[in-house]
Amino acid sequence: MSVADRERWDERYARYLSGEKEPAFKTDELLLNHGALFQGDGDALDVATGLGGNALWLSEQGYRTTAVDCSANGLSLLSAEAARRNVAVDTQIVDLDDWQWPGQAFDVLCVFRFLNRNLFDAMNDSLRPGGLLVYQTFNTNFLIDKPGFNAEYVLADNELNESFANFEVVVNDQTGSTTRYIGRKT
């Protein structure tokens, strides 16, 4: 990740720290709609967590949750909200391009609105057998409405199925401009 990317995200979250905007710690509907899958037993990782609404929810379900992001400001807001809710979230400022992904360390791995195909193998290796990969991001349909968007950051049809072929597919919804995927590592 470039320094400019990191600075851009820190600047975005600085508006919340200054009180200019009120942060919304939203849990994504994909998690909420499939909440029965998440029994709160084990370790969870929220990748590129941003403000960490999903990390907070996973912690509230009983997971030992780690939230990683490049933005110190975003993670500061997340830590304050976790303390307010009296839940534990381990926040780590990382550059995902250089981070040493721990092997078979997680039972749940969440990725929302982030795509770096070079990390797919590391994500796979970081999940324990039986672990859940929860992935949601734009697909090629997004380019219809946003033709100037960088096509490198959108998923092709069935790309997650192919990239995580050793997973049992639990959810694979590619309707609209967003792919919603949950797979269980076999």
N, C-alpha and C. Protein backbone atom coordinates (compact mmCIF):
# COMPACT_ATOMS: atom_id res chain seq x y z
N MET A 1 0.85 -1.17 0.00
CA MET A 1 0.00 0.00 0.00
C MET A 1 0.89 1.23 0.00
N SER A 2 0.48 2.21 -0.74
CA SER A 2 1.28 3.43 -0.83
C SER A 2 1.04 4.33 0.38
N VAL A 3 1.99 5.21 0.61
CA VAL A 3 1.85 6.20 1.68
C VAL A 3 0.64 7.09 1.40
N ALA A 4 0.43 7.41 0.12
CA ALA A 4 -0.72 8.25 -0.25
C ALA A 4 -2.04 7.59 0.13
N ASP A 5 -2.14 6.26 -0.07
CA ASP A 5 -3.36 5.55 0.32
C ASP A 5 -3.59 5.63 1.82
N ARG A 6 -2.53 5.39 2.56
CA ARG A 6 -2.63 5.44 4.03
C ARG A 6 -3.06 6.84 4.48
N GLU A 7 -2.44 7.86 3.91
CA GLU A 7 -2.77 9.24 4.28
C GLU A 7 -4.21 9.58 3.92
N ARG A 8 -4.67 9.08 2.77
CA ARG A 8 -6.05 9.34 2.34
C ARG A 8 -7.05 8.77 3.35
N TRP A 9 -6.80 7.54 3.81
CA TRP A 9 -7.72 6.93 4.78
C TRP A 9 -7.62 7.62 6.14
N ASP A 10 -6.41 7.98 6.57
CA ASP A 10 -6.28 8.69 7.84
C ASP A 10 -7.00 10.04 7.78
N GLU A 11 -6.89 10.72 6.65
CA GLU A 11 -7.56 12.01 6.48
C GLU A 11 -9.08 11.84 6.53
N ARG A 12 -9.56 10.79 5.90
CA ARG A 12 -11.01 10.53 5.91
C ARG A 12 -11.51 10.32 7.34
N TYR A 13 -10.80 9.52 8.12
CA TYR A 13 -11.23 9.22 9.48
C TYR A 13 -10.93 10.36 10.45
N ALA A 14 -10.05 11.28 10.09
CA ALA A 14 -9.76 12.43 10.95
C ALA A 14 -11.01 13.30 11.12
N ARG A 15 -11.89 13.31 10.11
CA ARG A 15 -13.13 14.09 10.22
C ARG A 15 -14.01 13.57 11.36
N TYR A 16 -13.94 12.27 11.62
CA TYR A 16 -14.69 11.70 12.74
C TYR A 16 -14.02 12.03 14.07
N LEU A 17 -12.70 11.97 14.09
CA LEU A 17 -11.98 12.29 15.32
C LEU A 17 -12.18 13.74 15.74
N SER A 18 -12.29 14.62 14.76
CA SER A 18 -12.46 16.05 15.05
C SER A 18 -13.89 16.39 15.44
N GLY A 19 -14.82 15.46 15.25
CA GLY A 19 -16.22 15.71 15.55
C GLY A 19 -16.98 16.30 14.38
N GLU A 20 -16.31 16.49 13.24
CA GLU A 20 -16.97 17.04 12.05
C GLU A 20 -18.06 16.10 11.55
N LYS A 21 -17.83 14.80 11.68
CA LYS A 21 -18.81 13.79 11.28
C LYS A 21 -18.94 12.78 12.41
N GLU A 22 -20.13 12.18 12.49
CA GLU A 22 -20.38 11.14 13.49
C GLU A 22 -20.11 9.77 12.86
N PRO A 23 -19.22 8.97 13.46
CA PRO A 23 -18.96 7.65 12.86
C PRO A 23 -20.13 6.70 13.02
N ALA A 24 -20.33 5.90 12.00
CA ALA A 24 -21.37 4.87 12.05
C ALA A 24 -20.65 3.51 12.05
N PHE A 25 -20.80 2.79 13.12
CA PHE A 25 -20.15 1.49 13.28
C PHE A 25 -21.14 0.40 12.84
N LYS A 26 -21.37 0.32 11.53
CA LYS A 26 -22.39 -0.57 10.99
C LYS A 26 -21.86 -1.98 10.81
N THR A 27 -22.73 -2.94 11.13
CA THR A 27 -22.46 -4.34 10.82
C THR A 27 -23.06 -4.63 9.46
N ASP A 28 -22.30 -5.28 8.61
CA ASP A 28 -22.77 -5.56 7.27
C ASP A 28 -23.92 -6.57 7.30
N GLU A 29 -24.88 -6.38 6.39
CA GLU A 29 -26.06 -7.25 6.31
C GLU A 29 -25.69 -8.71 6.04
N LEU A 30 -24.61 -8.97 5.33
CA LEU A 30 -24.21 -10.34 5.06
C LEU A 30 -23.98 -11.11 6.37
N LEU A 31 -23.35 -10.47 7.33
CA LEU A 31 -23.16 -11.11 8.63
C LEU A 31 -24.49 -11.24 9.37
N LEU A 32 -25.25 -10.17 9.40
CA LEU A 32 -26.51 -10.19 10.13
C LEU A 32 -27.49 -11.22 9.56
N ASN A 33 -27.56 -11.29 8.24
CA ASN A 33 -28.49 -12.22 7.60
C ASN A 33 -28.09 -13.68 7.79
N HIS A 34 -26.86 -13.94 8.11
CA HIS A 34 -26.37 -15.31 8.30
C HIS A 34 -25.77 -15.48 9.70
N GLY A 35 -26.32 -14.75 10.65
CA GLY A 35 -25.81 -14.74 12.01
C GLY A 35 -25.73 -16.11 12.66
N ALA A 36 -26.59 -17.04 12.28
CA ALA A 36 -26.57 -18.38 12.88
C ALA A 36 -25.27 -19.12 12.59
N LEU A 37 -24.54 -18.71 11.56
CA LEU A 37 -23.26 -19.36 11.24
C LEU A 37 -22.16 -18.99 12.22
N PHE A 38 -22.36 -17.90 12.94
CA PHE A 38 -21.29 -17.34 13.77
C PHE A 38 -21.61 -17.57 15.24
N GLN A 39 -21.07 -18.66 15.75
CA GLN A 39 -21.37 -19.11 17.10
C GLN A 39 -20.46 -18.50 18.16
N GLY A 40 -19.51 -17.67 17.74
CA GLY A 40 -18.68 -16.97 18.72
C GLY A 40 -17.65 -17.84 19.40
N ASP A 41 -17.29 -18.92 18.78
CA ASP A 41 -16.32 -19.83 19.37
C ASP A 41 -15.05 -19.78 18.54
N GLY A 42 -14.05 -19.05 19.01
CA GLY A 42 -12.78 -19.04 18.30
C GLY A 42 -12.27 -17.65 18.02
N ASP A 43 -11.47 -17.57 16.96
CA ASP A 43 -10.76 -16.35 16.61
C ASP A 43 -11.24 -15.82 15.27
N ALA A 44 -11.40 -14.50 15.19
CA ALA A 44 -11.88 -13.86 13.97
C ALA A 44 -10.91 -12.76 13.55
N LEU A 45 -10.81 -12.57 12.24
CA LEU A 45 -9.99 -11.51 11.66
C LEU A 45 -10.86 -10.69 10.73
N ASP A 46 -10.86 -9.38 10.91
CA ASP A 46 -11.54 -8.45 10.02
C ASP A 46 -10.46 -7.69 9.25
N VAL A 47 -10.37 -7.96 7.94
CA VAL A 47 -9.32 -7.43 7.08
C VAL A 47 -9.76 -6.08 6.51
N ALA A 48 -8.87 -5.08 6.55
CA ALA A 48 -9.18 -3.73 6.07
C ALA A 48 -10.46 -3.25 6.74
N THR A 49 -10.43 -3.27 8.05
CA THR A 49 -11.62 -3.09 8.89
C THR A 49 -12.26 -1.72 8.81
N GLY A 50 -11.50 -0.68 8.47
CA GLY A 50 -12.07 0.68 8.47
C GLY A 50 -12.48 1.07 9.87
N LEU A 51 -13.74 1.45 10.06
CA LEU A 51 -14.24 1.81 11.39
C LEU A 51 -14.55 0.59 12.25
N GLY A 52 -14.59 -0.60 11.63
CA GLY A 52 -14.67 -1.83 12.40
C GLY A 52 -16.03 -2.27 12.88
N GLY A 53 -17.09 -1.88 12.22
CA GLY A 53 -18.42 -2.33 12.63
C GLY A 53 -18.55 -3.83 12.64
N ASN A 54 -17.94 -4.50 11.66
CA ASN A 54 -18.00 -5.97 11.63
C ASN A 54 -17.16 -6.59 12.72
N ALA A 55 -16.01 -6.00 13.00
CA ALA A 55 -15.15 -6.50 14.08
C ALA A 55 -15.87 -6.38 15.43
N LEU A 56 -16.55 -5.27 15.63
CA LEU A 56 -17.31 -5.09 16.88
C LEU A 56 -18.38 -6.17 17.01
N TRP A 57 -19.11 -6.41 15.92
CA TRP A 57 -20.17 -7.42 15.95
C TRP A 57 -19.61 -8.80 16.25
N LEU A 58 -18.51 -9.16 15.60
CA LEU A 58 -17.89 -10.47 15.85
C LEU A 58 -17.48 -10.60 17.32
N SER A 59 -16.93 -9.54 17.88
CA SER A 59 -16.56 -9.57 19.31
C SER A 59 -17.79 -9.73 20.19
N GLU A 60 -18.87 -9.05 19.82
CA GLU A 60 -20.12 -9.17 20.59
C GLU A 60 -20.70 -10.58 20.49
N GLN A 61 -20.36 -11.31 19.45
CA GLN A 61 -20.81 -12.70 19.32
C GLN A 61 -19.92 -13.65 20.13
N GLY A 62 -18.83 -13.14 20.68
CA GLY A 62 -17.96 -13.94 21.52
C GLY A 62 -16.62 -14.32 20.91
N TYR A 63 -16.34 -13.86 19.69
CA TYR A 63 -15.06 -14.17 19.05
C TYR A 63 -13.94 -13.32 19.65
N ARG A 64 -12.76 -13.90 19.73
CA ARG A 64 -11.54 -13.14 19.99
C ARG A 64 -11.17 -12.52 18.65
N THR A 65 -11.38 -11.21 18.53
CA THR A 65 -11.36 -10.56 17.24
C THR A 65 -10.14 -9.67 17.07
N THR A 66 -9.51 -9.82 15.91
CA THR A 66 -8.42 -8.96 15.48
C THR A 66 -8.92 -8.15 14.29
N ALA A 67 -8.65 -6.86 14.31
CA ALA A 67 -9.03 -5.96 13.22
C ALA A 67 -7.77 -5.30 12.69
N VAL A 68 -7.51 -5.47 11.40
CA VAL A 68 -6.31 -4.90 10.79
C VAL A 68 -6.70 -3.87 9.75
N ASP A 69 -5.92 -2.79 9.69
CA ASP A 69 -6.17 -1.72 8.74
C ASP A 69 -4.90 -0.87 8.66
N CYS A 70 -4.81 -0.07 7.60
CA CYS A 70 -3.66 0.82 7.44
C CYS A 70 -3.85 2.14 8.17
N SER A 71 -5.07 2.46 8.57
CA SER A 71 -5.37 3.77 9.14
C SER A 71 -5.34 3.76 10.66
N ALA A 72 -4.39 4.49 11.21
CA ALA A 72 -4.33 4.64 12.67
C ALA A 72 -5.56 5.37 13.19
N ASN A 73 -6.07 6.33 12.42
CA ASN A 73 -7.25 7.07 12.86
C ASN A 73 -8.49 6.18 12.90
N GLY A 74 -8.68 5.36 11.88
CA GLY A 74 -9.82 4.44 11.88
C GLY A 74 -9.76 3.48 13.04
N LEU A 75 -8.57 2.94 13.30
CA LEU A 75 -8.42 1.98 14.40
C LEU A 75 -8.57 2.65 15.76
N SER A 76 -8.20 3.91 15.86
CA SER A 76 -8.40 4.65 17.11
C SER A 76 -9.89 4.80 17.41
N LEU A 77 -10.67 5.12 16.38
CA LEU A 77 -12.12 5.21 16.55
C LEU A 77 -12.71 3.86 16.93
N LEU A 78 -12.24 2.81 16.29
CA LEU A 78 -12.71 1.46 16.61
C LEU A 78 -12.39 1.09 18.06
N SER A 79 -11.18 1.38 18.50
CA SER A 79 -10.78 1.05 19.88
C SER A 79 -11.65 1.79 20.89
N ALA A 80 -11.94 3.05 20.61
CA ALA A 80 -12.79 3.82 21.54
C ALA A 80 -14.20 3.25 21.59
N GLU A 81 -14.74 2.84 20.44
CA GLU A 81 -16.08 2.27 20.40
C GLU A 81 -16.11 0.90 21.09
N ALA A 82 -15.06 0.12 20.91
CA ALA A 82 -14.99 -1.18 21.59
C ALA A 82 -14.98 -0.99 23.10
N ALA A 83 -14.23 -0.02 23.57
CA ALA A 83 -14.20 0.26 25.02
C ALA A 83 -15.57 0.72 25.50
N ARG A 84 -16.24 1.56 24.71
CA ARG A 84 -17.57 2.04 25.08
C ARG A 84 -18.56 0.88 25.19
N ARG A 85 -18.42 -0.11 24.28
CA ARG A 85 -19.31 -1.28 24.28
C ARG A 85 -18.84 -2.38 25.23
N ASN A 86 -17.69 -2.18 25.81
CA ASN A 86 -17.11 -3.16 26.73
C ASN A 86 -16.84 -4.51 26.05
N VAL A 87 -16.27 -4.44 24.83
CA VAL A 87 -15.84 -5.64 24.12
C VAL A 87 -14.37 -5.47 23.75
N ALA A 88 -13.69 -6.58 23.56
CA ALA A 88 -12.28 -6.54 23.22
C ALA A 88 -12.10 -6.74 21.72
N VAL A 89 -11.37 -5.83 21.09
CA VAL A 89 -10.95 -5.97 19.70
C VAL A 89 -9.47 -5.61 19.65
N ASP A 90 -8.66 -6.55 19.20
CA ASP A 90 -7.23 -6.32 19.03
C ASP A 90 -7.05 -5.58 17.70
N THR A 91 -6.65 -4.31 17.75
CA THR A 91 -6.46 -3.54 16.53
C THR A 91 -4.97 -3.50 16.19
N GLN A 92 -4.69 -3.66 14.90
CA GLN A 92 -3.30 -3.65 14.43
C GLN A 92 -3.20 -2.81 13.16
N ILE A 93 -2.30 -1.84 13.20
CA ILE A 93 -2.02 -1.02 12.02
C ILE A 93 -1.06 -1.84 11.15
N VAL A 94 -1.53 -2.22 9.97
CA VAL A 94 -0.70 -3.05 9.09
C VAL A 94 -0.83 -2.59 7.65
N ASP A 95 0.21 -2.84 6.89
CA ASP A 95 0.17 -2.76 5.44
C ASP A 95 -0.04 -4.19 4.99
N LEU A 96 -1.20 -4.50 4.48
CA LEU A 96 -1.54 -5.88 4.14
C LEU A 96 -0.60 -6.47 3.09
N ASP A 97 0.03 -5.64 2.29
CA ASP A 97 0.99 -6.14 1.30
C ASP A 97 2.23 -6.73 1.95
N ASP A 98 2.55 -6.26 3.15
CA ASP A 98 3.77 -6.69 3.85
C ASP A 98 3.51 -7.49 5.12
N TRP A 99 2.25 -7.62 5.51
CA TRP A 99 1.91 -8.26 6.78
C TRP A 99 2.22 -9.75 6.74
N GLN A 100 2.73 -10.27 7.83
CA GLN A 100 2.98 -11.70 7.96
C GLN A 100 1.70 -12.36 8.45
N TRP A 101 0.95 -12.94 7.52
CA TRP A 101 -0.32 -13.59 7.85
C TRP A 101 -0.03 -14.83 8.68
N PRO A 102 -0.65 -14.97 9.84
CA PRO A 102 -0.43 -16.17 10.65
C PRO A 102 -1.13 -17.39 10.05
N GLY A 103 -0.47 -18.52 10.08
CA GLY A 103 -1.03 -19.76 9.53
C GLY A 103 -2.07 -20.38 10.44
N GLN A 104 -3.18 -20.78 9.88
CA GLN A 104 -4.28 -21.46 10.56
C GLN A 104 -4.59 -20.85 11.93
N ALA A 105 -4.77 -19.55 11.94
CA ALA A 105 -4.98 -18.82 13.19
C ALA A 105 -6.42 -18.40 13.43
N PHE A 106 -7.27 -18.47 12.38
CA PHE A 106 -8.60 -17.89 12.50
C PHE A 106 -9.71 -18.87 12.13
N ASP A 107 -10.84 -18.69 12.80
CA ASP A 107 -12.05 -19.47 12.53
C ASP A 107 -13.02 -18.70 11.64
N VAL A 108 -12.87 -17.39 11.60
CA VAL A 108 -13.65 -16.51 10.73
C VAL A 108 -12.69 -15.45 10.19
N LEU A 109 -12.79 -15.23 8.88
CA LEU A 109 -12.00 -14.18 8.24
C LEU A 109 -12.96 -13.38 7.37
N CYS A 110 -13.08 -12.08 7.66
CA CYS A 110 -14.02 -11.19 6.95
C CYS A 110 -13.26 -10.19 6.09
N VAL A 111 -13.77 -10.01 4.88
CA VAL A 111 -13.22 -9.00 3.97
C VAL A 111 -14.41 -8.30 3.31
N PHE A 112 -14.50 -7.00 3.52
CA PHE A 112 -15.59 -6.20 2.94
C PHE A 112 -15.00 -5.00 2.22
N ARG A 113 -15.42 -4.81 0.96
CA ARG A 113 -15.04 -3.66 0.16
C ARG A 113 -13.52 -3.50 0.05
N PHE A 114 -12.84 -4.61 -0.14
CA PHE A 114 -11.39 -4.61 -0.32
C PHE A 114 -11.05 -5.79 -1.23
N LEU A 115 -10.14 -5.56 -2.17
CA LEU A 115 -9.75 -6.65 -3.06
C LEU A 115 -8.28 -6.54 -3.41
N ASN A 116 -7.54 -7.56 -3.02
CA ASN A 116 -6.16 -7.74 -3.43
C ASN A 116 -5.98 -9.23 -3.65
N ARG A 117 -6.04 -9.62 -4.90
CA ARG A 117 -5.96 -11.04 -5.26
C ARG A 117 -4.66 -11.69 -4.79
N ASN A 118 -3.60 -10.90 -4.67
CA ASN A 118 -2.32 -11.44 -4.22
C ASN A 118 -2.39 -11.98 -2.80
N LEU A 119 -3.44 -11.64 -2.07
CA LEU A 119 -3.59 -12.08 -0.67
C LEU A 119 -4.49 -13.30 -0.52
N PHE A 120 -5.07 -13.80 -1.60
CA PHE A 120 -6.00 -14.93 -1.50
C PHE A 120 -5.34 -16.16 -0.88
N ASP A 121 -4.12 -16.49 -1.27
CA ASP A 121 -3.45 -17.66 -0.70
C ASP A 121 -3.19 -17.47 0.79
N ALA A 122 -2.78 -16.26 1.17
CA ALA A 122 -2.53 -15.98 2.60
C ALA A 122 -3.82 -16.08 3.41
N MET A 123 -4.91 -15.60 2.84
CA MET A 123 -6.21 -15.70 3.52
C MET A 123 -6.58 -17.17 3.72
N ASN A 124 -6.42 -17.95 2.67
CA ASN A 124 -6.71 -19.38 2.74
C ASN A 124 -5.87 -20.03 3.83
N ASP A 125 -4.59 -19.75 3.83
CA ASP A 125 -3.68 -20.36 4.81
C ASP A 125 -3.96 -19.90 6.24
N SER A 126 -4.53 -18.71 6.41
CA SER A 126 -4.79 -18.19 7.75
C SER A 126 -6.02 -18.79 8.41
N LEU A 127 -6.89 -19.38 7.59
CA LEU A 127 -8.10 -20.00 8.15
C LEU A 127 -7.82 -21.43 8.59
N ARG A 128 -8.38 -21.78 9.72
CA ARG A 128 -8.32 -23.17 10.19
C ARG A 128 -9.31 -24.00 9.38
N PRO A 129 -9.08 -25.31 9.29
CA PRO A 129 -10.09 -26.17 8.66
C PRO A 129 -11.44 -25.97 9.35
N GLY A 130 -12.48 -25.84 8.55
CA GLY A 130 -13.82 -25.58 9.07
C GLY A 130 -14.11 -24.10 9.24
N GLY A 131 -13.08 -23.25 9.06
CA GLY A 131 -13.26 -21.82 9.22
C GLY A 131 -14.06 -21.20 8.10
N LEU A 132 -14.66 -20.05 8.39
CA LEU A 132 -15.51 -19.35 7.43
C LEU A 132 -14.79 -18.15 6.83
N LEU A 133 -14.84 -18.06 5.51
CA LEU A 133 -14.40 -16.86 4.79
C LEU A 133 -15.65 -16.09 4.40
N VAL A 134 -15.73 -14.85 4.83
CA VAL A 134 -16.86 -13.98 4.50
C VAL A 134 -16.28 -12.86 3.64
N TYR A 135 -16.74 -12.79 2.40
CA TYR A 135 -16.13 -11.83 1.46
C TYR A 135 -17.24 -11.11 0.71
N GLN A 136 -17.15 -9.79 0.69
CA GLN A 136 -18.12 -8.99 -0.06
C GLN A 136 -17.40 -7.81 -0.69
N THR A 137 -17.51 -7.70 -2.00
CA THR A 137 -16.96 -6.55 -2.70
C THR A 137 -17.61 -6.43 -4.07
N PHE A 138 -17.22 -5.41 -4.82
CA PHE A 138 -17.81 -5.15 -6.13
C PHE A 138 -17.46 -6.25 -7.12
N ASN A 139 -18.38 -6.46 -8.06
CA ASN A 139 -18.12 -7.37 -9.17
C ASN A 139 -18.17 -6.58 -10.49
N THR A 140 -17.99 -7.27 -11.59
CA THR A 140 -17.90 -6.60 -12.89
C THR A 140 -19.14 -5.79 -13.24
N ASN A 141 -20.30 -6.13 -12.69
CA ASN A 141 -21.51 -5.34 -12.94
C ASN A 141 -21.38 -3.90 -12.45
N PHE A 142 -20.51 -3.68 -11.47
CA PHE A 142 -20.27 -2.34 -10.93
C PHE A 142 -19.75 -1.41 -12.02
N LEU A 143 -19.02 -1.97 -12.98
CA LEU A 143 -18.43 -1.16 -14.05
C LEU A 143 -19.47 -0.60 -15.02
N ILE A 144 -20.66 -1.17 -15.02
CA ILE A 144 -21.73 -0.66 -15.88
C ILE A 144 -22.12 0.75 -15.44
N ASP A 145 -22.28 0.93 -14.13
CA ASP A 145 -22.65 2.24 -13.59
C ASP A 145 -21.44 3.15 -13.38
N LYS A 146 -20.28 2.55 -13.17
CA LYS A 146 -19.06 3.32 -12.90
C LYS A 146 -17.96 2.88 -13.87
N PRO A 147 -18.10 3.19 -15.16
CA PRO A 147 -17.15 2.69 -16.15
C PRO A 147 -15.71 3.18 -15.93
N GLY A 148 -15.52 4.26 -15.21
CA GLY A 148 -14.18 4.77 -14.94
C GLY A 148 -13.49 4.10 -13.77
N PHE A 149 -14.22 3.25 -13.05
CA PHE A 149 -13.66 2.57 -11.89
C PHE A 149 -12.58 1.59 -12.34
N ASN A 150 -11.55 1.43 -11.57
CA ASN A 150 -10.45 0.53 -11.91
C ASN A 150 -10.92 -0.92 -11.88
N ALA A 151 -10.93 -1.56 -13.05
CA ALA A 151 -11.43 -2.94 -13.17
C ALA A 151 -10.61 -3.94 -12.37
N GLU A 152 -9.42 -3.56 -11.96
CA GLU A 152 -8.58 -4.44 -11.14
C GLU A 152 -9.21 -4.70 -9.77
N TYR A 153 -10.10 -3.80 -9.35
CA TYR A 153 -10.70 -3.89 -8.02
C TYR A 153 -12.12 -4.43 -8.04
N VAL A 154 -12.48 -5.18 -9.07
CA VAL A 154 -13.78 -5.83 -9.10
C VAL A 154 -13.60 -7.32 -9.39
N LEU A 155 -14.46 -8.13 -8.81
CA LEU A 155 -14.40 -9.57 -9.00
C LEU A 155 -15.06 -9.99 -10.30
N ALA A 156 -14.48 -10.99 -10.95
CA ALA A 156 -15.11 -11.62 -12.10
C ALA A 156 -16.17 -12.60 -11.61
N ASP A 157 -17.05 -13.03 -12.51
CA ASP A 157 -18.06 -14.02 -12.15
C ASP A 157 -17.37 -15.27 -11.60
N ASN A 158 -17.86 -15.75 -10.47
CA ASN A 158 -17.38 -16.97 -9.83
C ASN A 158 -15.90 -16.96 -9.45
N GLU A 159 -15.29 -15.79 -9.40
CA GLU A 159 -13.87 -15.71 -9.07
C GLU A 159 -13.55 -16.26 -7.68
N LEU A 160 -14.39 -15.95 -6.71
CA LEU A 160 -14.12 -16.47 -5.37
C LEU A 160 -14.29 -17.97 -5.31
N ASN A 161 -15.28 -18.52 -6.01
CA ASN A 161 -15.45 -19.98 -6.07
C ASN A 161 -14.19 -20.64 -6.62
N GLU A 162 -13.62 -20.05 -7.65
CA GLU A 162 -12.43 -20.62 -8.28
C GLU A 162 -11.18 -20.40 -7.41
N SER A 163 -11.06 -19.23 -6.82
CA SER A 163 -9.88 -18.92 -6.01
C SER A 163 -9.85 -19.69 -4.69
N PHE A 164 -11.03 -20.02 -4.18
CA PHE A 164 -11.13 -20.77 -2.93
C PHE A 164 -11.84 -22.10 -3.22
N ALA A 165 -11.29 -22.82 -4.15
CA ALA A 165 -11.91 -24.07 -4.63
C ALA A 165 -11.97 -25.13 -3.54
N ASN A 166 -11.13 -25.02 -2.53
CA ASN A 166 -11.13 -25.98 -1.42
C ASN A 166 -12.14 -25.62 -0.33
N PHE A 167 -13.06 -24.72 -0.63
CA PHE A 167 -14.08 -24.29 0.32
C PHE A 167 -15.44 -24.83 -0.10
N GLU A 168 -16.24 -25.19 0.89
CA GLU A 168 -17.64 -25.51 0.65
C GLU A 168 -18.39 -24.18 0.58
N VAL A 169 -19.09 -23.94 -0.50
CA VAL A 169 -19.81 -22.67 -0.68
C VAL A 169 -21.07 -22.69 0.18
N VAL A 170 -21.20 -21.70 1.04
CA VAL A 170 -22.38 -21.54 1.88
C VAL A 170 -23.30 -20.48 1.28
N VAL A 171 -22.71 -19.38 0.82
CA VAL A 171 -23.44 -18.29 0.17
C VAL A 171 -22.61 -17.86 -1.04
N ASN A 172 -23.28 -17.72 -2.17
CA ASN A 172 -22.64 -17.18 -3.36
C ASN A 172 -23.68 -16.37 -4.12
N ASP A 173 -23.81 -15.11 -3.75
CA ASP A 173 -24.79 -14.21 -4.33
C ASP A 173 -24.04 -13.16 -5.15
N GLN A 174 -24.21 -13.23 -6.46
CA GLN A 174 -23.54 -12.29 -7.35
C GLN A 174 -24.53 -11.39 -8.06
N THR A 175 -25.70 -11.21 -7.47
CA THR A 175 -26.71 -10.34 -8.08
C THR A 175 -26.30 -8.89 -7.89
N GLY A 176 -26.66 -8.08 -8.85
CA GLY A 176 -26.31 -6.67 -8.77
C GLY A 176 -24.83 -6.45 -8.94
N SER A 177 -24.34 -5.38 -8.36
CA SER A 177 -22.94 -4.99 -8.55
C SER A 177 -22.02 -5.47 -7.44
N THR A 178 -22.56 -6.27 -6.52
CA THR A 178 -21.78 -6.75 -5.38
C THR A 178 -21.83 -8.27 -5.30
N THR A 179 -20.69 -8.87 -5.04
CA THR A 179 -20.62 -10.30 -4.76
C THR A 179 -20.60 -10.50 -3.25
N ARG A 180 -21.48 -11.39 -2.78
CA ARG A 180 -21.55 -11.76 -1.36
C ARG A 180 -21.24 -13.25 -1.28
N TYR A 181 -20.20 -13.58 -0.53
CA TYR A 181 -19.70 -14.96 -0.50
C TYR A 181 -19.40 -15.36 0.93
N ILE A 182 -19.83 -16.57 1.29
CA ILE A 182 -19.39 -17.20 2.53
C ILE A 182 -19.00 -18.61 2.15
N GLY A 183 -17.78 -18.99 2.51
CA GLY A 183 -17.31 -20.34 2.25
C GLY A 183 -16.70 -20.94 3.49
N ARG A 184 -16.82 -22.25 3.62
CA ARG A 184 -16.25 -22.97 4.76
C ARG A 184 -15.05 -23.79 4.26
N LYS A 185 -13.91 -23.55 4.87
CA LYS A 185 -12.68 -24.26 4.46
C LYS A 185 -12.80 -25.73 4.83
N THR A 186 -12.51 -26.60 3.85
CA THR A 186 -12.59 -28.03 4.10
C THR A 186 -11.24 -28.59 4.50
